[in-house]
Amino acid sequence: MSSSTPSTPISYKDAGVDIDAGDALVERIKPLAKKTMREGVMAGIGGFGALFEVPKRYQEPVLVSGTDGVGTKLKLAFEWNMHDTVGIDLVAMSVNDVLVQGAEPLFFLDYFACGKLDVDTAAAVVGGIAKGCELSGCALIGGETAEMPGMYPAGEYDLAGFAVGAVEKSKILTGKNVAAGDVVLGLASSGVHSNGFSLVRKCIERAGAGTPAQLDGKPFRQAIMEPTRLYVKNMLAALAQHPIKALAHITGGGLLENIPRVLPEGLAAHLKAGSWPQTELFAWLQKTAGIDDLEMNRTFNNGIGMVVVVPAEAAEATAATLRALGETVHAIGSIAARGTGAAVVVA
């Protein structure tokens, strides 16, 4: 026998990967995923691949896909031990993106990676993912839990999400029909959502013990961690009733960089400053960071999570429908010829 042959076997668990913990997590996830099942699901959690049949009510279905993460908001989830809502953020960031093409989210996949699997933490995260799927009518039909010793610090993990939706080819929202005179409606956000958290964390660090006890009637940490609003069901209902021309999900880059993504060349969105209220949360962030309005509207959603562009004659009816469904809606501006100015002007 070679002297270099090890005398003591090393198991996968000894190497830092606990297969039993992974199995236990799958069993915890199954009933959560079951609650999200919908038409089209042919095979759910557990297979090598998840099967989904596009519902037959679609005549010419076009698939729309989106992927995203939660970003550095996770750092606060670790620090504050608040893991039950970041899964909603994960779902919302992708399904809201799919939605702006006019698509109905069909199914969702998640990727959860950590150094050492804590079943309770992972189950809390996936519980949030399942809740987000349920609220947006999207099936959670698969995912991956990767335990990778040495890749992540103790107690930390990373998330990625993947959504697939469908829209009738004739009903795809591209923004190409947006014209001067159209009205810009803004749907209120639930908070910071899941962008700008590198600056949020700097503000918390700068404030130190001076952070407020409450913001907008919620405990400080809850206000900061409030999950991204899911606009899917209400917006799909409005799309079925009104001649909506374009939608913009206000994520990284804020109002200033996301609205131009759905505007034809030569047009600009003129937003009226003060046409929507600044919440205590955003007022605190602006004051603490010491930044101007331009930087606020380029870094954060600043109170508007989804922008809706409609013909002027349909604006009031569209806003009324969305309000009846539970959205807070503000008429925040209009579309005009761009000229030599910026694509979004707030004045």
Protein backbone atom coordinates (compact mmCIF):
# COMPACT_ATOMS: atom_id res chain seq x y z
CA MET A 1 0.00 0.00 0.00
CA SER A 2 1.26 3.46 -0.90
CA SER A 3 2.22 5.58 2.10
CA SER A 4 0.29 8.49 0.54
CA THR A 5 -3.06 6.66 0.65
CA PRO A 6 -5.34 8.31 3.24
CA SER A 7 -6.35 6.04 6.09
CA THR A 8 -9.56 7.91 7.02
CA PRO A 9 -12.34 8.31 4.42
CA ILE A 10 -13.64 11.84 3.84
CA SER A 11 -17.35 12.11 3.10
CA TYR A 12 -19.06 14.88 1.12
CA LYS A 13 -20.45 16.08 4.47
CA ASP A 14 -16.92 16.23 5.89
CA ALA A 15 -16.03 18.40 2.88
CA GLY A 16 -18.83 20.81 3.85
CA VAL A 17 -21.79 19.67 1.72
CA ASP A 18 -24.76 18.20 3.60
CA ILE A 19 -26.93 16.19 1.18
CA ASP A 20 -29.43 15.42 3.95
CA ALA A 21 -29.93 19.15 4.63
CA GLY A 22 -30.56 19.67 0.92
CA ASP A 23 -33.13 16.90 0.89
CA ALA A 24 -34.81 18.36 3.98
CA LEU A 25 -35.05 21.74 2.24
CA VAL A 26 -36.67 20.19 -0.85
CA GLU A 27 -39.33 18.60 1.37
CA ARG A 28 -39.97 21.99 3.03
CA ILE A 29 -40.25 23.68 -0.38
CA LYS A 30 -42.67 21.24 -2.02
CA PRO A 31 -45.86 22.39 -0.26
CA LEU A 32 -44.87 26.05 -0.84
CA ALA A 33 -44.38 25.42 -4.55
CA LYS A 34 -47.64 23.46 -4.74
CA LYS A 35 -49.58 26.61 -3.78
CA THR A 36 -48.28 28.34 -6.92
CA MET A 37 -49.45 25.71 -9.42
CA ARG A 38 -51.49 26.98 -12.36
CA GLU A 39 -52.66 25.93 -15.82
CA GLY A 40 -49.79 24.79 -18.00
CA VAL A 41 -47.68 23.11 -15.32
CA MET A 42 -46.94 19.53 -16.41
CA ALA A 43 -44.25 18.62 -13.90
CA GLY A 44 -43.12 20.48 -10.80
CA ILE A 45 -40.33 20.39 -8.23
CA GLY A 46 -38.07 17.32 -8.21
CA GLY A 47 -37.36 16.47 -11.84
CA PHE A 48 -34.26 17.26 -13.86
CA GLY A 49 -36.29 19.81 -15.79
CA ALA A 50 -39.70 21.39 -15.24
CA LEU A 51 -42.30 21.02 -17.98
CA PHE A 52 -44.78 23.74 -18.90
CA GLU A 53 -47.33 23.88 -21.71
CA VAL A 54 -48.30 27.35 -22.96
CA PRO A 55 -52.06 27.69 -22.31
CA LYS A 56 -54.14 26.98 -25.41
CA ARG A 57 -56.02 30.30 -25.11
CA TYR A 58 -52.99 31.94 -26.75
CA GLN A 59 -53.31 32.14 -30.54
CA GLU A 60 -49.78 33.36 -31.37
CA PRO A 61 -47.87 33.22 -28.09
CA VAL A 62 -44.52 34.96 -27.82
CA LEU A 63 -42.41 33.97 -24.83
CA VAL A 64 -40.82 36.76 -22.79
CA SER A 65 -38.04 35.99 -20.32
CA GLY A 66 -36.35 37.95 -17.56
CA THR A 67 -33.70 37.37 -14.93
CA ASP A 68 -32.51 39.38 -11.95
CA GLY A 69 -31.25 39.24 -8.38
CA VAL A 70 -31.82 41.17 -5.16
CA GLY A 71 -28.46 42.95 -5.04
CA THR A 72 -26.91 44.35 -1.88
CA LYS A 73 -30.29 44.47 -0.13
CA LEU A 74 -29.24 40.95 0.88
CA LYS A 75 -26.49 42.44 3.06
CA LEU A 76 -29.16 43.98 5.29
CA ALA A 77 -31.15 40.74 5.27
CA PHE A 78 -28.06 39.01 6.71
CA GLU A 79 -27.29 41.75 9.21
CA TRP A 80 -30.88 42.13 10.45
CA ASN A 81 -31.85 38.45 10.10
CA MET A 82 -34.80 39.37 7.86
CA HIS A 83 -35.06 36.64 5.23
CA ASP A 84 -38.79 36.20 4.66
CA THR A 85 -39.39 38.98 2.09
CA VAL A 86 -36.26 39.05 -0.10
CA GLY A 87 -37.81 36.18 -2.07
CA ILE A 88 -40.71 38.48 -2.99
CA ASP A 89 -38.12 41.01 -4.21
CA LEU A 90 -36.50 38.30 -6.32
CA VAL A 91 -39.77 37.41 -8.04
CA ALA A 92 -40.92 41.00 -8.45
CA MET A 93 -37.73 42.17 -10.14
CA SER A 94 -38.20 39.62 -12.92
CA VAL A 95 -41.99 39.41 -13.30
CA ASN A 96 -42.39 43.20 -13.33
CA ASP A 97 -39.82 43.30 -16.16
CA VAL A 98 -41.69 40.61 -18.10
CA LEU A 99 -44.94 42.49 -17.49
CA VAL A 100 -43.79 45.67 -19.25
CA GLN A 101 -43.80 43.81 -22.57
CA GLY A 102 -47.49 43.15 -21.93
CA ALA A 103 -46.77 39.57 -20.92
CA GLU A 104 -48.42 37.38 -18.32
CA PRO A 105 -45.75 35.63 -16.18
CA LEU A 106 -46.17 31.87 -16.50
CA PHE A 107 -43.42 30.25 -14.44
CA PHE A 108 -40.41 31.05 -12.29
CA LEU A 109 -37.11 29.35 -11.41
CA ASP A 110 -34.79 30.32 -8.57
CA TYR A 111 -31.11 29.80 -7.78
CA PHE A 112 -30.03 29.88 -4.13
CA ALA A 113 -26.29 29.62 -3.40
CA CYS A 114 -24.57 29.52 -0.01
CA GLY A 115 -21.44 28.32 1.73
CA LYS A 116 -23.27 26.18 4.30
CA LEU A 117 -26.97 25.43 3.99
CA ASP A 118 -29.16 26.58 6.87
CA VAL A 119 -32.50 24.91 6.17
CA ASP A 120 -34.57 27.39 8.20
CA THR A 121 -33.05 30.42 6.47
CA ALA A 122 -33.34 28.86 3.01
CA ALA A 123 -36.95 27.84 3.68
CA ALA A 124 -37.77 31.43 4.75
CA VAL A 125 -36.25 32.77 1.54
CA VAL A 126 -38.02 30.24 -0.68
CA GLY A 127 -41.24 30.89 1.23
CA GLY A 128 -40.95 34.51 0.07
CA ILE A 129 -40.28 33.36 -3.49
CA ALA A 130 -43.40 31.16 -3.40
CA LYS A 131 -45.44 34.06 -1.98
CA GLY A 132 -44.25 36.34 -4.76
CA CYS A 133 -45.15 33.73 -7.36
CA GLU A 134 -48.57 33.22 -5.82
CA LEU A 135 -49.29 36.97 -5.78
CA SER A 136 -48.32 37.29 -9.44
CA GLY A 137 -50.08 34.17 -10.71
CA CYS A 138 -46.77 32.58 -11.64
CA ALA A 139 -45.85 28.93 -11.00
CA LEU A 140 -42.67 28.13 -9.06
CA ILE A 141 -41.72 25.00 -10.96
CA GLY A 142 -38.02 24.54 -10.36
CA GLY A 143 -34.75 25.86 -9.03
CA GLU A 144 -31.32 25.04 -7.70
CA THR A 145 -29.88 25.07 -4.21
CA ALA A 146 -26.10 25.14 -4.36
CA GLU A 147 -24.07 24.53 -1.21
CA MET A 148 -20.50 25.61 -1.96
CA PRO A 149 -18.12 25.57 1.01
CA GLY A 150 -15.61 28.40 0.97
CA MET A 151 -17.47 30.44 -1.65
CA TYR A 152 -19.58 32.57 0.71
CA PRO A 153 -19.01 33.88 4.25
CA ALA A 154 -20.92 32.14 7.05
CA GLY A 155 -24.57 33.16 7.14
CA GLU A 156 -24.56 34.67 3.65
CA TYR A 157 -26.15 33.53 0.40
CA ASP A 158 -26.93 34.81 -3.08
CA LEU A 159 -30.10 34.67 -5.13
CA ALA A 160 -30.98 34.76 -8.81
CA GLY A 161 -34.40 34.43 -10.37
CA PHE A 162 -35.69 33.61 -13.83
CA ALA A 163 -39.20 34.31 -15.12
CA VAL A 164 -40.89 33.28 -18.36
CA GLY A 165 -44.12 34.86 -19.56
CA ALA A 166 -46.25 34.91 -22.67
CA VAL A 167 -48.02 37.59 -24.69
CA GLU A 168 -50.06 37.50 -27.89
CA LYS A 169 -47.82 38.58 -30.74
CA SER A 170 -50.31 41.31 -31.70
CA LYS A 171 -50.36 42.71 -28.15
CA ILE A 172 -46.65 43.07 -27.40
CA LEU A 173 -45.92 46.44 -25.79
CA THR A 174 -42.92 48.05 -27.47
CA GLY A 175 -43.61 51.75 -26.94
CA LYS A 176 -43.37 52.39 -30.71
CA ASN A 177 -46.86 53.97 -30.74
CA VAL A 178 -46.08 56.47 -27.98
CA ALA A 179 -46.77 59.97 -29.27
CA ALA A 180 -46.53 63.60 -28.15
CA GLY A 181 -49.51 64.46 -25.98
CA ASP A 182 -49.73 61.05 -24.30
CA VAL A 183 -50.09 61.12 -20.52
CA VAL A 184 -47.60 59.58 -18.09
CA LEU A 185 -49.13 57.90 -15.05
CA GLY A 186 -46.99 56.76 -12.11
CA LEU A 187 -47.89 53.85 -9.84
CA ALA A 188 -46.58 54.26 -6.30
CA SER A 189 -43.76 52.03 -5.15
CA SER A 190 -43.86 50.21 -1.81
CA GLY A 191 -40.46 51.63 -0.87
CA VAL A 192 -36.92 51.38 -2.17
CA HIS A 193 -37.78 48.06 -3.85
CA SER A 194 -34.47 46.38 -4.71
CA ASN A 195 -32.25 49.06 -6.25
CA GLY A 196 -29.92 51.65 -4.80
CA PHE A 197 -29.09 49.64 -1.69
CA SER A 198 -25.38 50.34 -1.84
CA LEU A 199 -26.34 53.97 -1.16
CA VAL A 200 -29.06 52.98 1.35
CA ARG A 201 -26.46 51.06 3.35
CA LYS A 202 -24.10 54.06 3.27
CA CYS A 203 -26.93 56.25 4.60
CA ILE A 204 -27.60 53.81 7.45
CA GLU A 205 -23.88 53.74 8.24
CA ARG A 206 -23.69 57.55 8.18
CA ALA A 207 -26.76 57.96 10.41
CA GLY A 208 -25.47 55.43 12.95
CA ALA A 209 -27.56 55.53 16.12
CA GLY A 210 -29.46 58.48 14.67
CA THR A 211 -31.69 56.42 12.38
CA PRO A 212 -35.39 57.21 12.95
CA ALA A 213 -37.54 54.75 14.89
CA GLN A 214 -40.17 54.83 12.15
CA LEU A 215 -40.63 55.89 8.54
CA ASP A 216 -44.07 56.17 6.92
CA GLY A 217 -45.68 54.55 9.95
CA LYS A 218 -43.49 51.43 9.88
CA PRO A 219 -40.53 50.42 12.05
CA PHE A 220 -37.32 51.65 10.39
CA ARG A 221 -36.01 48.24 9.35
CA GLN A 222 -39.37 47.15 7.98
CA ALA A 223 -39.64 50.36 5.94
CA ILE A 224 -36.18 49.77 4.48
CA MET A 225 -36.80 46.07 3.72
CA GLU A 226 -40.38 46.44 2.43
CA PRO A 227 -40.49 44.11 -0.60
CA THR A 228 -40.83 45.28 -4.18
CA ARG A 229 -44.44 45.80 -5.20
CA LEU A 230 -45.86 43.23 -7.60
CA TYR A 231 -47.80 45.10 -10.29
CA VAL A 232 -48.66 42.03 -12.38
CA LYS A 233 -52.29 41.17 -11.67
CA ASN A 234 -53.56 44.76 -11.52
CA MET A 235 -51.64 45.82 -14.59
CA LEU A 236 -52.77 42.83 -16.66
CA ALA A 237 -56.37 43.69 -15.75
CA ALA A 238 -55.84 47.30 -16.86
CA LEU A 239 -54.15 46.19 -20.09
CA ALA A 240 -57.24 44.14 -20.96
CA GLN A 241 -59.47 47.21 -20.63
CA HIS A 242 -57.47 50.25 -21.78
CA PRO A 243 -55.28 51.30 -24.77
CA ILE A 244 -52.03 51.40 -22.80
CA LYS A 245 -49.07 52.18 -25.06
CA ALA A 246 -46.04 51.52 -22.85
CA LEU A 247 -44.93 50.45 -19.40
CA ALA A 248 -41.62 51.09 -17.67
CA HIS A 249 -40.47 49.23 -14.53
CA ILE A 250 -38.47 51.75 -12.48
CA THR A 251 -35.40 49.83 -11.33
CA GLY A 252 -31.67 50.64 -11.39
CA GLY A 253 -31.21 54.03 -13.04
CA GLY A 254 -34.48 55.31 -11.61
CA LEU A 255 -37.02 57.39 -13.52
CA LEU A 256 -34.38 59.13 -15.61
CA GLU A 257 -32.90 56.02 -17.21
CA ASN A 258 -35.84 53.59 -17.36
CA ILE A 259 -38.56 55.70 -19.01
CA PRO A 260 -36.40 56.40 -22.13
CA ARG A 261 -36.20 52.64 -22.74
CA VAL A 262 -39.84 52.68 -23.94
CA LEU A 263 -39.83 56.00 -25.83
CA PRO A 264 -39.44 56.29 -29.60
CA GLU A 265 -36.53 58.40 -30.82
CA GLY A 266 -37.30 62.09 -30.79
CA LEU A 267 -39.69 62.02 -27.85
CA ALA A 268 -39.19 62.91 -24.19
CA ALA A 269 -41.15 62.48 -20.98
CA HIS A 270 -41.79 65.76 -19.18
CA LEU A 271 -42.52 64.99 -15.53
CA LYS A 272 -43.95 67.61 -13.21
CA ALA A 273 -41.92 67.99 -10.02
CA GLY A 274 -44.12 67.57 -6.97
CA SER A 275 -46.88 65.74 -8.87
CA TRP A 276 -46.33 62.76 -6.59
CA PRO A 277 -45.50 62.93 -2.88
CA GLN A 278 -42.06 62.16 -1.51
CA THR A 279 -42.41 59.61 1.29
CA GLU A 280 -40.62 59.95 4.62
CA LEU A 281 -38.34 57.12 3.55
CA PHE A 282 -37.08 58.87 0.42
CA ALA A 283 -36.92 62.24 2.20
CA TRP A 284 -34.70 60.65 4.87
CA LEU A 285 -32.47 59.02 2.26
CA GLN A 286 -32.09 62.29 0.33
CA LYS A 287 -31.31 64.31 3.44
CA THR A 288 -28.89 61.74 4.85
CA ALA A 289 -27.06 61.26 1.55
CA GLY A 290 -27.08 65.02 0.87
CA ILE A 291 -27.97 64.54 -2.80
CA ASP A 292 -30.06 66.67 -5.16
CA ASP A 293 -33.34 65.79 -6.88
CA LEU A 294 -31.55 64.75 -10.08
CA GLU A 295 -29.47 62.16 -8.25
CA MET A 296 -32.55 60.91 -6.35
CA ASN A 297 -34.44 60.32 -9.59
CA ARG A 298 -31.45 58.59 -11.16
CA THR A 299 -30.60 56.33 -8.21
CA PHE A 300 -33.98 55.37 -6.73
CA ASN A 301 -37.54 54.86 -7.93
CA ASN A 302 -38.21 57.84 -5.61
CA GLY A 303 -41.78 56.75 -4.98
CA ILE A 304 -42.82 55.58 -8.47
CA GLY A 305 -42.33 51.89 -9.19
CA MET A 306 -44.13 51.56 -12.54
CA VAL A 307 -44.79 54.12 -15.27
CA VAL A 308 -47.79 53.80 -17.59
CA VAL A 309 -48.06 55.75 -20.87
CA VAL A 310 -51.60 56.18 -22.22
CA PRO A 311 -53.42 58.40 -24.73
CA ALA A 312 -54.66 61.57 -23.02
CA GLU A 313 -58.32 60.64 -23.58
CA ALA A 314 -57.83 57.29 -21.79
CA ALA A 315 -55.77 58.58 -18.86
CA GLU A 316 -58.58 59.19 -16.36
CA ALA A 317 -60.33 55.88 -17.04
CA THR A 318 -57.05 53.93 -16.84
CA ALA A 319 -56.13 55.63 -13.56
CA ALA A 320 -59.62 54.92 -12.16
CA THR A 321 -59.35 51.21 -13.02
CA LEU A 322 -55.93 50.92 -11.38
CA ARG A 323 -57.09 52.79 -8.27
CA ALA A 324 -60.12 50.50 -7.98
CA LEU A 325 -57.73 47.55 -8.08
CA GLY A 326 -55.68 48.98 -5.20
CA GLU A 327 -52.90 50.94 -6.88
CA THR A 328 -51.97 54.47 -5.85
CA VAL A 329 -51.87 56.38 -9.15
CA HIS A 330 -50.48 59.85 -9.92
CA ALA A 331 -50.64 61.77 -13.19
CA ILE A 332 -46.97 62.73 -13.30
CA GLY A 333 -46.41 64.19 -16.75
CA SER A 334 -46.78 63.94 -20.50
CA ILE A 335 -44.89 63.04 -23.66
CA ALA A 336 -43.49 65.81 -25.87
CA ALA A 337 -41.02 66.32 -28.71
CA ARG A 338 -37.51 65.94 -27.35
CA GLY A 339 -35.61 68.53 -29.32
CA THR A 340 -32.09 68.93 -27.94
CA GLY A 341 -33.07 68.25 -24.31
CA ALA A 342 -32.91 65.13 -22.14
CA ALA A 343 -35.19 62.12 -22.66
CA VAL A 344 -36.72 62.71 -19.22
CA VAL A 345 -37.17 66.19 -17.78
CA VAL A 346 -38.41 66.73 -14.23
CA ALA A 347 -39.41 70.36 -13.69
